[in-house]
Amino acid sequence: MYAFTYDPAASVEEAAEKLRKSPDANVLAGGMSLIPTMKLRLS
């Protein structure tokens, strides 16, 4: 699994600000298959 840092936002505005500040940031969304998919390095 790739290393990553999880930094939750409390609001949409905070999430937008975090995305603006870090060009490598991504929105994390998913269900039960997200972590297994990451472990297989498919996402």
PDB file of N, CA and C in Angstrom:
ATOM      1  N   MET A   1       0.847  -1.169   0.000  1.00  0.00           N
ATOM      2  CA  MET A   1       0.000   0.000   0.000  1.00  0.00           C
ATOM      3  C   MET A   1       0.895   1.235   0.000  1.00  0.00           C
ATOM      4  N   TYR A   2       0.511   2.224  -0.773  1.00  0.00           N
ATOM      5  CA  TYR A   2       1.252   3.477  -0.814  1.00  0.00           C
ATOM      6  C   TYR A   2       1.028   4.254   0.484  1.00  0.00           C
ATOM      7  N   ALA A   3       2.047   4.946   0.938  1.00  0.00           N
ATOM      8  CA  ALA A   3       1.914   5.784   2.128  1.00  0.00           C
ATOM      9  C   ALA A   3       1.081   7.018   1.794  1.00  0.00           C
ATOM     10  N   PHE A   4       0.229   7.413   2.722  1.00  0.00           N
ATOM     11  CA  PHE A   4      -0.561   8.617   2.533  1.00  0.00           C
ATOM     12  C   PHE A   4      -0.883   9.220   3.892  1.00  0.00           C
ATOM     13  N   THR A   5      -1.261  10.482   3.879  1.00  0.00           N
ATOM     14  CA  THR A   5      -1.671  11.182   5.085  1.00  0.00           C
ATOM     15  C   THR A   5      -3.137  11.536   4.946  1.00  0.00           C
ATOM     16  N   TYR A   6      -3.924  11.190   5.952  1.00  0.00           N
ATOM     17  CA  TYR A   6      -5.350  11.494   5.956  1.00  0.00           C
ATOM     18  C   TYR A   6      -5.565  12.755   6.782  1.00  0.00           C
ATOM     19  N   ASP A   7      -6.142  13.782   6.176  1.00  0.00           N
ATOM     20  CA  ASP A   7      -6.363  15.061   6.839  1.00  0.00           C
ATOM     21  C   ASP A   7      -7.812  15.478   6.610  1.00  0.00           C
ATOM     22  N   PRO A   8      -8.729  15.046   7.481  1.00  0.00           N
ATOM     23  CA  PRO A   8     -10.147  15.327   7.256  1.00  0.00           C
ATOM     24  C   PRO A   8     -10.478  16.812   7.390  1.00  0.00           C
ATOM     25  N   ALA A   9     -11.466  17.233   6.642  1.00  0.00           N
ATOM     26  CA  ALA A   9     -11.947  18.616   6.697  1.00  0.00           C
ATOM     27  C   ALA A   9     -13.305  18.638   7.390  1.00  0.00           C
ATOM     28  N   ALA A  10     -13.564  19.711   8.110  1.00  0.00           N
ATOM     29  CA  ALA A  10     -14.827  19.846   8.831  1.00  0.00           C
ATOM     30  C   ALA A  10     -15.915  20.492   7.978  1.00  0.00           C
ATOM     31  N   SER A  11     -15.524  21.084   6.847  1.00  0.00           N
ATOM     32  CA  SER A  11     -16.503  21.748   5.987  1.00  0.00           C
ATOM     33  C   SER A  11     -16.021  21.711   4.542  1.00  0.00           C
ATOM     34  N   VAL A  12     -16.919  22.040   3.647  1.00  0.00           N
ATOM     35  CA  VAL A  12     -16.562  22.101   2.227  1.00  0.00           C
ATOM     36  C   VAL A  12     -15.527  23.202   2.003  1.00  0.00           C
ATOM     37  N   GLU A  13     -15.702  24.323   2.690  1.00  0.00           N
ATOM     38  CA  GLU A  13     -14.758  25.435   2.551  1.00  0.00           C
ATOM     39  C   GLU A  13     -13.361  25.028   3.000  1.00  0.00           C
ATOM     40  N   GLU A  14     -13.271  24.309   4.118  1.00  0.00           N
ATOM     41  CA  GLU A  14     -11.972  23.851   4.613  1.00  0.00           C
ATOM     42  C   GLU A  14     -11.349  22.856   3.636  1.00  0.00           C
ATOM     43  N   ALA A  15     -12.151  21.975   3.081  1.00  0.00           N
ATOM     44  CA  ALA A  15     -11.640  21.007   2.100  1.00  0.00           C
ATOM     45  C   ALA A  15     -11.107  21.732   0.868  1.00  0.00           C
ATOM     46  N   ALA A  16     -11.840  22.730   0.392  1.00  0.00           N
ATOM     47  CA  ALA A  16     -11.398  23.493  -0.779  1.00  0.00           C
ATOM     48  C   ALA A  16     -10.083  24.213  -0.492  1.00  0.00           C
ATOM     49  N   GLU A  17      -9.941  24.769   0.698  1.00  0.00           N
ATOM     50  CA  GLU A  17      -8.707  25.464   1.072  1.00  0.00           C
ATOM     51  C   GLU A  17      -7.529  24.495   1.123  1.00  0.00           C
ATOM     52  N   LYS A  18      -7.735  23.312   1.674  1.00  0.00           N
ATOM     53  CA  LYS A  18      -6.666  22.305   1.736  1.00  0.00           C
ATOM     54  C   LYS A  18      -6.256  21.863   0.334  1.00  0.00           C
ATOM     55  N   LEU A  19      -7.217  21.734  -0.558  1.00  0.00           N
ATOM     56  CA  LEU A  19      -6.907  21.354  -1.935  1.00  0.00           C
ATOM     57  C   LEU A  19      -6.134  22.453  -2.657  1.00  0.00           C
ATOM     58  N   ARG A  20      -6.468  23.709  -2.357  1.00  0.00           N
ATOM     59  CA  ARG A  20      -5.744  24.835  -2.971  1.00  0.00           C
ATOM     60  C   ARG A  20      -4.301  24.906  -2.481  1.00  0.00           C
ATOM     61  N   LYS A  21      -4.081  24.628  -1.205  1.00  0.00           N
ATOM     62  CA  LYS A  21      -2.745  24.767  -0.608  1.00  0.00           C
ATOM     63  C   LYS A  21      -1.785  23.661  -1.018  1.00  0.00           C
ATOM     64  N   SER A  22      -2.302  22.490  -1.325  1.00  0.00           N
ATOM     65  CA  SER A  22      -1.430  21.360  -1.649  1.00  0.00           C
ATOM     66  C   SER A  22      -1.764  20.807  -3.028  1.00  0.00           C
ATOM     67  N   PRO A  23      -0.872  20.986  -4.001  1.00  0.00           N
ATOM     68  CA  PRO A  23      -1.140  20.495  -5.356  1.00  0.00           C
ATOM     69  C   PRO A  23      -1.209  18.968  -5.438  1.00  0.00           C
ATOM     70  N   ASP A  24      -0.659  18.268  -4.458  1.00  0.00           N
ATOM     71  CA  ASP A  24      -0.697  16.802  -4.458  1.00  0.00           C
ATOM     72  C   ASP A  24      -1.905  16.240  -3.719  1.00  0.00           C
ATOM     73  N   ALA A  25      -2.732  17.106  -3.147  1.00  0.00           N
ATOM     74  CA  ALA A  25      -3.885  16.657  -2.372  1.00  0.00           C
ATOM     75  C   ALA A  25      -4.958  16.070  -3.285  1.00  0.00           C
ATOM     76  N   ASN A  26      -5.683  15.107  -2.753  1.00  0.00           N
ATOM     77  CA  ASN A  26      -6.802  14.486  -3.457  1.00  0.00           C
ATOM     78  C   ASN A  26      -7.958  14.324  -2.497  1.00  0.00           C
ATOM     79  N   VAL A  27      -9.149  14.281  -3.046  1.00  0.00           N
ATOM     80  CA  VAL A  27     -10.331  14.013  -2.250  1.00  0.00           C
ATOM     81  C   VAL A  27     -10.448  12.505  -2.102  1.00  0.00           C
ATOM     82  N   LEU A  28     -10.663  12.057  -0.881  1.00  0.00           N
ATOM     83  CA  LEU A  28     -10.782  10.629  -0.605  1.00  0.00           C
ATOM     84  C   LEU A  28     -12.248  10.293  -0.399  1.00  0.00           C
ATOM     85  N   ALA A  29     -12.764   9.416  -1.219  1.00  0.00           N
ATOM     86  CA  ALA A  29     -14.140   8.974  -1.091  1.00  0.00           C
ATOM     87  C   ALA A  29     -14.202   7.522  -1.519  1.00  0.00           C
ATOM     88  N   GLY A  30     -15.009   6.779  -0.865  1.00  0.00           N
ATOM     89  CA  GLY A  30     -15.123   5.383  -1.258  1.00  0.00           C
ATOM     90  C   GLY A  30     -15.817   4.568  -0.193  1.00  0.00           C
ATOM     91  N   GLY A  31     -16.050   3.355  -0.542  1.00  0.00           N
ATOM     92  CA  GLY A  31     -16.727   2.463   0.378  1.00  0.00           C
ATOM     93  C   GLY A  31     -15.794   1.401   0.908  1.00  0.00           C
ATOM     94  N   MET A  32     -16.320   0.240   1.075  1.00  0.00           N
ATOM     95  CA  MET A  32     -15.597  -0.866   1.688  1.00  0.00           C
ATOM     96  C   MET A  32     -14.426  -1.357   0.847  1.00  0.00           C
ATOM     97  N   SER A  33     -14.402  -1.044  -0.430  1.00  0.00           N
ATOM     98  CA  SER A  33     -13.345  -1.582  -1.294  1.00  0.00           C
ATOM     99  C   SER A  33     -12.135  -0.665  -1.425  1.00  0.00           C
ATOM    100  N   LEU A  34     -12.175   0.531  -0.846  1.00  0.00           N
ATOM    101  CA  LEU A  34     -11.089   1.488  -1.047  1.00  0.00           C
ATOM    102  C   LEU A  34      -9.758   0.988  -0.484  1.00  0.00           C
ATOM    103  N   ILE A  35      -9.711   0.586   0.770  1.00  0.00           N
ATOM    104  CA  ILE A  35      -8.448   0.164   1.385  1.00  0.00           C
ATOM    105  C   ILE A  35      -7.907  -1.102   0.724  1.00  0.00           C
ATOM    106  N   PRO A  36      -8.717  -2.147   0.489  1.00  0.00           N
ATOM    107  CA  PRO A  36      -8.167  -3.313  -0.222  1.00  0.00           C
ATOM    108  C   PRO A  36      -7.630  -2.962  -1.610  1.00  0.00           C
ATOM    109  N   THR A  37      -8.292  -2.060  -2.311  1.00  0.00           N
ATOM    110  CA  THR A  37      -7.823  -1.633  -3.627  1.00  0.00           C
ATOM    111  C   THR A  37      -6.486  -0.920  -3.511  1.00  0.00           C
ATOM    112  N   MET A  38      -6.323  -0.097  -2.471  1.00  0.00           N
ATOM    113  CA  MET A  38      -5.052   0.592  -2.251  1.00  0.00           C
ATOM    114  C   MET A  38      -3.952  -0.405  -1.894  1.00  0.00           C
ATOM    115  N   LYS A  39      -4.294  -1.421  -1.115  1.00  0.00           N
ATOM    116  CA  LYS A  39      -3.296  -2.427  -0.737  1.00  0.00           C
ATOM    117  C   LYS A  39      -2.775  -3.177  -1.958  1.00  0.00           C
ATOM    118  N   LEU A  40      -3.629  -3.361  -2.947  1.00  0.00           N
ATOM    119  CA  LEU A  40      -3.221  -4.024  -4.186  1.00  0.00           C
ATOM    120  C   LEU A  40      -2.579  -3.047  -5.165  1.00  0.00           C
ATOM    121  N   ARG A  41      -2.447  -1.792  -4.747  1.00  0.00           N
ATOM    122  CA  ARG A  41      -1.869  -0.720  -5.560  1.00  0.00           C
ATOM    123  C   ARG A  41      -2.612  -0.517  -6.881  1.00  0.00           C
ATOM    124  N   LEU A  42      -3.926  -0.690  -6.829  1.00  0.00           N
ATOM    125  CA  LEU A  42      -4.749  -0.469  -8.012  1.00  0.00           C
ATOM    126  C   LEU A  42      -5.295   0.951  -8.050  1.00  0.00           C
ATOM    127  N   SER A  43      -5.179   1.668  -6.948  1.00  0.00           N
ATOM    128  CA  SER A  43      -5.641   3.067  -6.920  1.00  0.00           C
ATOM    129  C   SER A  43      -4.665   3.919  -6.156  1.00  0.00           C
TER     130      SER A  43
END
